[in-house]
Amino acid sequence: MTSLAETIDTALAAVGPETEDRLRDVVAEFEAQALADEERLAVLATSIAAIAHRHHSRHIPVYLEAVRTWSLEIAEVVKPAATELRYIPKPTAVEQAARRFYDGIDGVIDRMQLQGIDVRDRLVTELAVMARFLGRHDGNTISIAIIAVNRALADPAYRRGSVVQVPMREVASAISAEELAAMPPRGTA
């Protein structure tokens, strides 16, 4: 984790204090929202999909793998309990919260581009935010969330900002990576 932390610190130093302050505001606003675990996870999945769709359309699999890998690395340190299903989040609440979050991240990314910040530092900064929140969940939840995002983005009907529900029932029991990959799609994204 030390090398990841150092990478993030270096990127944040490169973006400058004003952009870092704006990023802190976006993070604080997201943290302040009164969301249940299921809602927060759906907001994260929806936001990751929206950011990937707008900023990483040519490299979506690589981007999603980076988010998953960093999140798992954080989760290994945090050691969160398994996320449990309580209810299915209402799409309207998720859509509104996600829009505020990914619009904030979009603004930070746009600001960094205008400032001429190196693409590597922009990407590290963005990944750090997504992994920070997704890494608060256990490994199965992280993997299922990324699979849900991937399925949503692979759907030709996907539109940026479409709510991505994470099928939490599948998190209830520990399953292997092979079982995760073989899961059939359920519902619509």
C-alpha atoms as a PDB file:
ATOM      1  CA  MET A   1       0.000   0.000   0.000  1.00  0.00           C
ATOM      2  CA  THR A   2       2.935   2.329   0.551  1.00  0.00           C
ATOM      3  CA  SER A   3       3.715   2.519  -3.171  1.00  0.00           C
ATOM      4  CA  LEU A   4       0.054   3.241  -3.966  1.00  0.00           C
ATOM      5  CA  ALA A   5      -0.043   5.959  -1.301  1.00  0.00           C
ATOM      6  CA  GLU A   6       3.165   7.479  -2.666  1.00  0.00           C
ATOM      7  CA  THR A   7       1.786   7.410  -6.216  1.00  0.00           C
ATOM      8  CA  ILE A   8      -1.362   9.186  -5.079  1.00  0.00           C
ATOM      9  CA  ASP A   9       0.592  11.780  -3.063  1.00  0.00           C
ATOM     10  CA  THR A  10       2.806  12.541  -6.064  1.00  0.00           C
ATOM     11  CA  ALA A  11      -0.217  12.976  -8.351  1.00  0.00           C
ATOM     12  CA  LEU A  12      -2.008  15.241  -5.866  1.00  0.00           C
ATOM     13  CA  ALA A  13       1.101  17.385  -5.527  1.00  0.00           C
ATOM     14  CA  ALA A  14       1.183  17.749  -9.321  1.00  0.00           C
ATOM     15  CA  VAL A  15      -2.452  18.887  -9.638  1.00  0.00           C
ATOM     16  CA  GLY A  16      -1.913  21.896  -7.407  1.00  0.00           C
ATOM     17  CA  PRO A  17      -3.639  23.163  -4.270  1.00  0.00           C
ATOM     18  CA  GLU A  18      -6.728  24.691  -5.942  1.00  0.00           C
ATOM     19  CA  THR A  19      -7.617  21.515  -7.817  1.00  0.00           C
ATOM     20  CA  GLU A  20      -6.847  19.417  -4.767  1.00  0.00           C
ATOM     21  CA  ASP A  21      -9.182  21.639  -2.711  1.00  0.00           C
ATOM     22  CA  ARG A  22     -11.955  21.217  -5.302  1.00  0.00           C
ATOM     23  CA  LEU A  23     -11.401  17.461  -5.222  1.00  0.00           C
ATOM     24  CA  ARG A  24     -11.658  17.499  -1.433  1.00  0.00           C
ATOM     25  CA  ASP A  25     -14.971  19.389  -1.754  1.00  0.00           C
ATOM     26  CA  VAL A  26     -16.348  16.746  -4.151  1.00  0.00           C
ATOM     27  CA  VAL A  27     -15.239  13.956  -1.807  1.00  0.00           C
ATOM     28  CA  ALA A  28     -16.685  15.702   1.255  1.00  0.00           C
ATOM     29  CA  GLU A  29     -20.011  16.289  -0.503  1.00  0.00           C
ATOM     30  CA  PHE A  30     -20.215  12.608  -1.424  1.00  0.00           C
ATOM     31  CA  GLU A  31     -19.320  11.494   2.096  1.00  0.00           C
ATOM     32  CA  ALA A  32     -21.917  13.847   3.597  1.00  0.00           C
ATOM     33  CA  GLN A  33     -24.802  12.271   1.687  1.00  0.00           C
ATOM     34  CA  ALA A  34     -27.047  10.110   3.849  1.00  0.00           C
ATOM     35  CA  LEU A  35     -26.906   6.956   1.740  1.00  0.00           C
ATOM     36  CA  ALA A  36     -27.333   3.340   2.775  1.00  0.00           C
ATOM     37  CA  ASP A  37     -24.605   0.891   1.686  1.00  0.00           C
ATOM     38  CA  GLU A  38     -26.696  -0.329  -1.250  1.00  0.00           C
ATOM     39  CA  GLU A  39     -27.351   3.217  -2.443  1.00  0.00           C
ATOM     40  CA  ARG A  40     -23.736   4.281  -2.021  1.00  0.00           C
ATOM     41  CA  LEU A  41     -22.563   1.240  -3.987  1.00  0.00           C
ATOM     42  CA  ALA A  42     -25.064   1.930  -6.797  1.00  0.00           C
ATOM     43  CA  VAL A  43     -23.968   5.595  -6.848  1.00  0.00           C
ATOM     44  CA  LEU A  44     -20.329   4.505  -7.128  1.00  0.00           C
ATOM     45  CA  ALA A  45     -21.093   1.987  -9.886  1.00  0.00           C
ATOM     46  CA  THR A  46     -23.160   4.564 -11.779  1.00  0.00           C
ATOM     47  CA  SER A  47     -20.409   7.184 -11.394  1.00  0.00           C
ATOM     48  CA  ILE A  48     -17.624   4.812 -12.428  1.00  0.00           C
ATOM     49  CA  ALA A  49     -19.624   3.905 -15.541  1.00  0.00           C
ATOM     50  CA  ALA A  50     -20.284   7.588 -16.357  1.00  0.00           C
ATOM     51  CA  ILE A  51     -16.619   8.554 -15.927  1.00  0.00           C
ATOM     52  CA  ALA A  52     -15.416   5.539 -17.932  1.00  0.00           C
ATOM     53  CA  HIS A  53     -17.919   6.317 -20.689  1.00  0.00           C
ATOM     54  CA  ARG A  54     -16.884   9.973 -20.984  1.00  0.00           C
ATOM     55  CA  HIS A  55     -13.161   9.897 -20.276  1.00  0.00           C
ATOM     56  CA  HIS A  56     -11.959   6.359 -21.018  1.00  0.00           C
ATOM     57  CA  SER A  57     -14.169   5.026 -23.805  1.00  0.00           C
ATOM     58  CA  ARG A  58     -11.232   3.563 -25.726  1.00  0.00           C
ATOM     59  CA  HIS A  59      -9.788   1.847 -22.665  1.00  0.00           C
ATOM     60  CA  ILE A  60     -12.784   0.834 -20.557  1.00  0.00           C
ATOM     61  CA  PRO A  61     -11.523  -2.682 -19.650  1.00  0.00           C
ATOM     62  CA  VAL A  62      -8.139  -1.301 -18.562  1.00  0.00           C
ATOM     63  CA  TYR A  63      -9.772   1.509 -16.575  1.00  0.00           C
ATOM     64  CA  LEU A  64     -12.183  -0.842 -14.805  1.00  0.00           C
ATOM     65  CA  GLU A  65      -9.364  -3.242 -13.981  1.00  0.00           C
ATOM     66  CA  ALA A  66      -7.365  -0.364 -12.480  1.00  0.00           C
ATOM     67  CA  VAL A  67     -10.349   0.708 -10.342  1.00  0.00           C
ATOM     68  CA  ARG A  68     -10.885  -2.900  -9.231  1.00  0.00           C
ATOM     69  CA  THR A  69      -7.208  -3.509  -8.448  1.00  0.00           C
ATOM     70  CA  TRP A  70      -6.755  -0.309  -6.437  1.00  0.00           C
ATOM     71  CA  SER A  71     -10.030  -0.881  -4.597  1.00  0.00           C
ATOM     72  CA  LEU A  72      -9.002  -4.424  -3.676  1.00  0.00           C
ATOM     73  CA  GLU A  73      -5.646  -3.144  -2.454  1.00  0.00           C
ATOM     74  CA  ILE A  74      -7.393  -0.613  -0.221  1.00  0.00           C
ATOM     75  CA  ALA A  75      -9.909  -3.219   0.974  1.00  0.00           C
ATOM     76  CA  GLU A  76      -7.049  -5.507   1.961  1.00  0.00           C
ATOM     77  CA  VAL A  77      -5.787  -2.842   4.340  1.00  0.00           C
ATOM     78  CA  VAL A  78      -9.221  -1.698   5.580  1.00  0.00           C
ATOM     79  CA  LYS A  79     -10.627  -5.255   5.926  1.00  0.00           C
ATOM     80  CA  PRO A  80     -14.303  -4.261   5.618  1.00  0.00           C
ATOM     81  CA  ALA A  81     -17.118  -6.626   6.547  1.00  0.00           C
ATOM     82  CA  ALA A  82     -19.147  -8.156   3.737  1.00  0.00           C
ATOM     83  CA  THR A  83     -21.863  -5.880   2.391  1.00  0.00           C
ATOM     84  CA  GLU A  84     -25.310  -7.288   3.095  1.00  0.00           C
ATOM     85  CA  LEU A  85     -28.485  -6.919   1.090  1.00  0.00           C
ATOM     86  CA  ARG A  86     -31.217  -4.969   2.842  1.00  0.00           C
ATOM     87  CA  TYR A  87     -33.181  -3.525  -0.033  1.00  0.00           C
ATOM     88  CA  ILE A  88     -32.902  -2.496  -3.659  1.00  0.00           C
ATOM     89  CA  PRO A  89     -32.095   1.227  -3.928  1.00  0.00           C
ATOM     90  CA  LYS A  90     -34.544   3.549  -5.639  1.00  0.00           C
ATOM     91  CA  PRO A  91     -33.112   4.555  -9.026  1.00  0.00           C
ATOM     92  CA  THR A  92     -34.179   8.197  -8.631  1.00  0.00           C
ATOM     93  CA  ALA A  93     -32.181   8.698  -5.407  1.00  0.00           C
ATOM     94  CA  VAL A  94     -29.171   6.915  -6.874  1.00  0.00           C
ATOM     95  CA  GLU A  95     -29.352   8.886 -10.120  1.00  0.00           C
ATOM     96  CA  GLN A  96     -29.403  12.251  -8.331  1.00  0.00           C
ATOM     97  CA  ALA A  97     -26.555  11.386  -5.955  1.00  0.00           C
ATOM     98  CA  ALA A  98     -24.484   9.857  -8.750  1.00  0.00           C
ATOM     99  CA  ARG A  99     -24.991  12.863 -11.008  1.00  0.00           C
ATOM    100  CA  ARG A 100     -23.693  15.214  -8.296  1.00  0.00           C
ATOM    101  CA  PHE A 101     -20.695  12.948  -7.697  1.00  0.00           C
ATOM    102  CA  TYR A 102     -19.640  12.306 -11.288  1.00  0.00           C
ATOM    103  CA  ASP A 103     -20.346  15.911 -12.313  1.00  0.00           C
ATOM    104  CA  GLY A 104     -17.967  16.946  -9.529  1.00  0.00           C
ATOM    105  CA  ILE A 105     -15.323  14.495 -10.722  1.00  0.00           C
ATOM    106  CA  ASP A 106     -15.882  15.641 -14.336  1.00  0.00           C
ATOM    107  CA  GLY A 107     -15.273  19.214 -13.203  1.00  0.00           C
ATOM    108  CA  VAL A 108     -12.019  18.254 -11.509  1.00  0.00           C
ATOM    109  CA  ILE A 109     -10.860  16.289 -14.581  1.00  0.00           C
ATOM    110  CA  ASP A 110     -11.772  19.179 -16.897  1.00  0.00           C
ATOM    111  CA  ARG A 111      -9.933  21.608 -14.626  1.00  0.00           C
ATOM    112  CA  MET A 112      -6.817  19.406 -14.659  1.00  0.00           C
ATOM    113  CA  GLN A 113      -6.939  19.192 -18.473  1.00  0.00           C
ATOM    114  CA  LEU A 114      -7.184  22.987 -18.758  1.00  0.00           C
ATOM    115  CA  GLN A 115      -4.211  23.342 -16.415  1.00  0.00           C
ATOM    116  CA  GLY A 116      -2.187  20.980 -18.610  1.00  0.00           C
ATOM    117  CA  ILE A 117      -1.768  18.406 -15.838  1.00  0.00           C
ATOM    118  CA  ASP A 118      -0.131  15.241 -17.174  1.00  0.00           C
ATOM    119  CA  VAL A 119      -2.619  12.506 -18.114  1.00  0.00           C
ATOM    120  CA  ARG A 120      -0.938  10.101 -15.680  1.00  0.00           C
ATOM    121  CA  ASP A 121      -1.473  12.447 -12.740  1.00  0.00           C
ATOM    122  CA  ARG A 122      -5.082  13.081 -13.799  1.00  0.00           C
ATOM    123  CA  LEU A 123      -5.767   9.364 -14.012  1.00  0.00           C
ATOM    124  CA  VAL A 124      -4.089   8.588 -10.683  1.00  0.00           C
ATOM    125  CA  THR A 125      -6.105  11.338  -8.994  1.00  0.00           C
ATOM    126  CA  GLU A 126      -9.362  10.068 -10.453  1.00  0.00           C
ATOM    127  CA  LEU A 127      -8.599   6.420  -9.645  1.00  0.00           C
ATOM    128  CA  ALA A 128      -7.667   7.364  -6.087  1.00  0.00           C
ATOM    129  CA  VAL A 129     -11.104   8.881  -5.490  1.00  0.00           C
ATOM    130  CA  MET A 130     -13.033   5.939  -6.950  1.00  0.00           C
ATOM    131  CA  ALA A 131     -10.863   3.327  -5.218  1.00  0.00           C
ATOM    132  CA  ARG A 132     -11.078   5.175  -1.906  1.00  0.00           C
ATOM    133  CA  PHE A 133     -14.838   4.675  -1.779  1.00  0.00           C
ATOM    134  CA  LEU A 134     -15.117   1.302  -3.501  1.00  0.00           C
ATOM    135  CA  GLY A 135     -12.282  -0.014  -1.308  1.00  0.00           C
ATOM    136  CA  ARG A 136     -14.540   0.354   1.732  1.00  0.00           C
ATOM    137  CA  HIS A 137     -16.307  -2.804   0.581  1.00  0.00           C
ATOM    138  CA  ASP A 138     -15.181  -6.415   0.675  1.00  0.00           C
ATOM    139  CA  GLY A 139     -13.493  -8.054  -2.322  1.00  0.00           C
ATOM    140  CA  ASN A 140     -16.612  -9.847  -3.567  1.00  0.00           C
ATOM    141  CA  THR A 141     -18.628  -6.646  -3.482  1.00  0.00           C
ATOM    142  CA  ILE A 142     -15.894  -4.780  -5.355  1.00  0.00           C
ATOM    143  CA  SER A 143     -15.697  -7.464  -8.038  1.00  0.00           C
ATOM    144  CA  ILE A 144     -19.459  -7.671  -8.479  1.00  0.00           C
ATOM    145  CA  ALA A 145     -19.705  -3.872  -8.701  1.00  0.00           C
ATOM    146  CA  ILE A 146     -17.075  -3.782 -11.461  1.00  0.00           C
ATOM    147  CA  ILE A 147     -18.837  -6.618 -13.299  1.00  0.00           C
ATOM    148  CA  ALA A 148     -22.104  -4.646 -13.088  1.00  0.00           C
ATOM    149  CA  VAL A 149     -20.374  -1.558 -14.495  1.00  0.00           C
ATOM    150  CA  ASN A 150     -18.788  -3.589 -17.274  1.00  0.00           C
ATOM    151  CA  ARG A 151     -22.138  -5.132 -18.215  1.00  0.00           C
ATOM    152  CA  ALA A 152     -23.832  -1.741 -18.222  1.00  0.00           C
ATOM    153  CA  LEU A 153     -21.167  -0.225 -20.475  1.00  0.00           C
ATOM    154  CA  ALA A 154     -21.294  -3.224 -22.839  1.00  0.00           C
ATOM    155  CA  ASP A 155     -25.039  -2.766 -23.318  1.00  0.00           C
ATOM    156  CA  PRO A 156     -25.678  -0.845 -26.571  1.00  0.00           C
ATOM    157  CA  ALA A 157     -28.620   0.879 -24.852  1.00  0.00           C
ATOM    158  CA  TYR A 158     -26.374   2.351 -22.118  1.00  0.00           C
ATOM    159  CA  ARG A 159     -26.551   6.116 -21.789  1.00  0.00           C
ATOM    160  CA  ARG A 160     -24.197   8.124 -19.631  1.00  0.00           C
ATOM    161  CA  GLY A 161     -25.717   8.472 -16.188  1.00  0.00           C
ATOM    162  CA  SER A 162     -27.912   5.380 -16.421  1.00  0.00           C
ATOM    163  CA  VAL A 163     -28.237   3.844 -12.972  1.00  0.00           C
ATOM    164  CA  VAL A 164     -26.064   0.772 -12.473  1.00  0.00           C
ATOM    165  CA  GLN A 165     -27.568  -1.488  -9.831  1.00  0.00           C
ATOM    166  CA  VAL A 166     -25.137  -3.864  -8.140  1.00  0.00           C
ATOM    167  CA  PRO A 167     -26.767  -7.274  -7.560  1.00  0.00           C
ATOM    168  CA  MET A 168     -26.015  -7.487  -3.845  1.00  0.00           C
ATOM    169  CA  ARG A 169     -27.616 -10.906  -3.356  1.00  0.00           C
ATOM    170  CA  GLU A 170     -24.647 -12.360  -5.188  1.00  0.00           C
ATOM    171  CA  VAL A 171     -22.310 -10.900  -2.568  1.00  0.00           C
ATOM    172  CA  ALA A 172     -23.915 -12.836   0.274  1.00  0.00           C
ATOM    173  CA  SER A 173     -21.679 -15.862  -0.163  1.00  0.00           C
ATOM    174  CA  ALA A 174     -18.020 -15.961  -1.042  1.00  0.00           C
ATOM    175  CA  ILE A 175     -17.556 -17.056  -4.638  1.00  0.00           C
ATOM    176  CA  SER A 176     -14.564 -17.597  -6.865  1.00  0.00           C
ATOM    177  CA  ALA A 177     -13.455 -15.341  -9.710  1.00  0.00           C
ATOM    178  CA  GLU A 178     -14.487 -18.029 -12.199  1.00  0.00           C
ATOM    179  CA  GLU A 179     -17.997 -18.118 -10.720  1.00  0.00           C
ATOM    180  CA  LEU A 180     -18.175 -14.333 -10.877  1.00  0.00           C
ATOM    181  CA  ALA A 181     -17.222 -14.313 -14.560  1.00  0.00           C
ATOM    182  CA  ALA A 182     -19.806 -16.998 -15.349  1.00  0.00           C
ATOM    183  CA  MET A 183     -22.733 -15.176 -13.700  1.00  0.00           C
ATOM    184  CA  PRO A 184     -25.559 -14.504 -16.128  1.00  0.00           C
ATOM    185  CA  PRO A 185     -26.805 -10.925 -16.440  1.00  0.00           C
ATOM    186  CA  ARG A 186     -29.854 -10.137 -14.338  1.00  0.00           C
ATOM    187  CA  GLY A 187     -32.281  -7.310 -14.836  1.00  0.00           C
ATOM    188  CA  THR A 188     -31.357  -4.203 -16.761  1.00  0.00           C
ATOM    189  CA  ALA A 189     -28.789  -1.533 -16.142  1.00  0.00           C
END
